[in-house]
Every structure is written in structure tokens, then in C-alpha cells.
Amino acid sequence: MNHVKVATDFSRYPAGRFLKDGPFSGEAFRNKFLEPKLLAGEVILVDLDGTRGYGSSFLEEAFGGLVRHGYDADRVLRLVQLQSKRESLQQEIRGYIRDATRDS
């Protein structure tokens, strides 16, 4: 299983939706860490703890954006495993994935 700790492997300050918003945007995280593993059919454990927080635009683009880019929501929910001391954060992300399905 692949493992990414957002705070140390990406940034303690993830922010923004798109690449134009900065190097630590949701789009950058999705492109660098999530999509390559999904393309390969690999499970990835995303450790969300240790950052200074998450904006909804970052989370929605990183995770919900996977569905808008053609990945099946059930596959995303199965292959992208979330780890956080805050269960509400995990639920929020799963909600973005499901909402993106309805919006597609």
C-alpha cells in the first residue's frame, strides 16, 4: 500500500483549488499523488493529520475532482483510504466524492 502524509510529503499549508492558486493546491495534490496511483489501480493511504487545516476548495478539488476527471466514485472510495484523528474530515471528503458523482 502506498502512503502519503500530506503535512510532510506535500505541505503543512495546503490551500487553493487550482494550480493558478499556488503550488500546494488541491489540483496539484490530485495530479501528483492521487491520479498516478488510481491509474495504476493501487491503494493509497492519505494521512491528513499535521497540516494547519484544509480549505473546502482544496479538499473538493483534490478528491471530488477525481470523479470529475473520469474516475468512478466507488473506485475512488475503495482505493483512496483516508486517515485522520478527525472523523468529520474524512466524512467531508467522502461527501465531496459523492457530490461530484451527482454533479457529473
Protein backbone atom coordinates (compact mmCIF):
# COMPACT_ATOMS: atom_id res chain seq x y z
CA MET A 1 0.00 0.00 0.00
CA ASN A 2 1.18 3.48 -0.86
CA HIS A 3 1.19 6.08 1.87
CA VAL A 4 1.22 9.87 1.64
CA LYS A 5 1.32 12.16 4.64
CA VAL A 6 0.02 15.48 3.39
CA ALA A 7 1.88 17.56 6.00
CA THR A 8 5.34 16.17 5.22
CA ASP A 9 5.07 14.87 1.65
CA PHE A 10 3.14 17.83 0.25
CA SER A 11 2.67 20.85 2.55
CA ARG A 12 1.66 21.82 6.06
CA TYR A 13 -0.30 24.63 4.40
CA PRO A 14 -2.38 23.10 1.60
CA ALA A 15 -4.58 25.76 0.05
CA GLY A 16 -6.44 26.71 -3.07
CA ARG A 17 -8.30 24.81 -5.71
CA PHE A 18 -6.31 25.18 -8.94
CA LEU A 19 -2.64 25.28 -9.93
CA LYS A 20 -3.01 29.01 -10.57
CA ASP A 21 -3.83 29.37 -6.85
CA GLY A 22 -0.38 28.13 -5.88
CA PRO A 23 1.89 25.11 -5.74
CA PHE A 24 0.03 23.48 -2.85
CA SER A 25 -3.45 23.48 -4.35
CA GLY A 26 -5.94 20.64 -4.49
CA GLU A 27 -5.29 20.22 -8.20
CA ALA A 28 -1.53 19.89 -7.56
CA PHE A 29 -2.11 17.29 -4.84
CA ARG A 30 -4.50 15.31 -7.04
CA ASN A 31 -2.11 15.39 -10.00
CA LYS A 32 0.98 14.45 -8.02
CA PHE A 33 -0.30 11.87 -5.55
CA LEU A 34 -3.79 10.60 -6.29
CA GLU A 35 -4.22 10.22 -10.04
CA PRO A 36 -0.99 8.26 -10.68
CA LYS A 37 -1.98 5.65 -8.08
CA LEU A 38 -5.55 5.42 -9.34
CA LEU A 39 -4.32 4.96 -12.91
CA ALA A 40 -2.19 2.06 -11.69
CA GLY A 41 -5.08 0.63 -9.67
CA GLU A 42 -3.11 0.96 -6.45
CA VAL A 43 -4.44 1.65 -2.98
CA ILE A 44 -3.19 4.88 -1.42
CA LEU A 45 -3.50 5.78 2.25
CA VAL A 46 -3.76 9.55 2.69
CA ASP A 47 -2.78 10.72 6.17
CA LEU A 48 -4.49 14.06 6.67
CA ASP A 49 -3.11 14.93 10.12
CA GLY A 50 -0.40 17.50 10.80
CA THR A 51 -1.41 20.31 8.48
CA ARG A 52 -2.56 23.76 9.59
CA GLY A 53 -6.01 22.95 8.24
CA TYR A 54 -7.82 22.44 4.97
CA GLY A 55 -9.97 24.72 2.92
CA SER A 56 -13.03 23.23 1.30
CA SER A 57 -11.76 24.25 -2.14
CA PHE A 58 -8.57 22.23 -1.65
CA LEU A 59 -10.42 19.12 -0.47
CA GLU A 60 -13.17 19.32 -3.06
CA GLU A 61 -10.73 19.70 -5.95
CA ALA A 62 -8.28 17.07 -4.74
CA PHE A 63 -10.87 14.38 -4.05
CA GLY A 64 -14.11 15.38 -5.78
CA GLY A 65 -12.02 16.39 -8.78
CA LEU A 66 -11.06 12.76 -9.28
CA VAL A 67 -14.67 11.94 -10.14
CA ARG A 68 -14.98 14.91 -12.49
CA HIS A 69 -11.86 13.67 -14.26
CA GLY A 70 -13.49 10.35 -15.03
CA TYR A 71 -12.78 8.12 -12.06
CA ASP A 72 -15.69 6.11 -10.72
CA ALA A 73 -16.67 7.28 -7.22
CA ASP A 74 -16.87 3.74 -5.85
CA ARG A 75 -13.37 3.04 -7.12
CA VAL A 76 -12.08 6.26 -5.56
CA LEU A 77 -13.71 5.41 -2.24
CA ARG A 78 -12.18 1.94 -2.35
CA LEU A 79 -8.65 2.87 -3.44
CA VAL A 80 -8.16 6.19 -1.65
CA GLN A 81 -8.16 5.41 2.03
CA LEU A 82 -8.27 8.29 4.48
CA GLN A 83 -6.60 8.54 7.86
CA SER A 84 -7.23 11.34 10.34
CA LYS A 85 -7.89 11.84 14.01
CA ARG A 86 -10.86 13.92 12.84
CA GLU A 87 -13.58 11.60 11.55
CA SER A 88 -15.51 14.68 10.40
CA LEU A 89 -12.71 15.49 7.94
CA GLN A 90 -12.92 12.01 6.44
CA GLN A 91 -16.70 12.31 6.15
CA GLU A 92 -16.37 15.73 4.49
CA ILE A 93 -14.05 14.29 1.84
CA ARG A 94 -16.31 11.31 1.17
CA GLY A 95 -19.17 13.78 0.76
CA TYR A 96 -17.22 15.71 -1.89
CA ILE A 97 -16.61 12.47 -3.78
CA ARG A 98 -20.29 11.54 -3.68
CA ASP A 99 -21.41 15.08 -4.57
CA ALA A 100 -19.11 15.12 -7.59
CA THR A 101 -20.85 11.96 -8.78
CA ARG A 102 -24.21 13.70 -8.70
CA ASP A 103 -22.81 16.77 -10.44
CA SER A 104 -21.19 14.78 -13.26
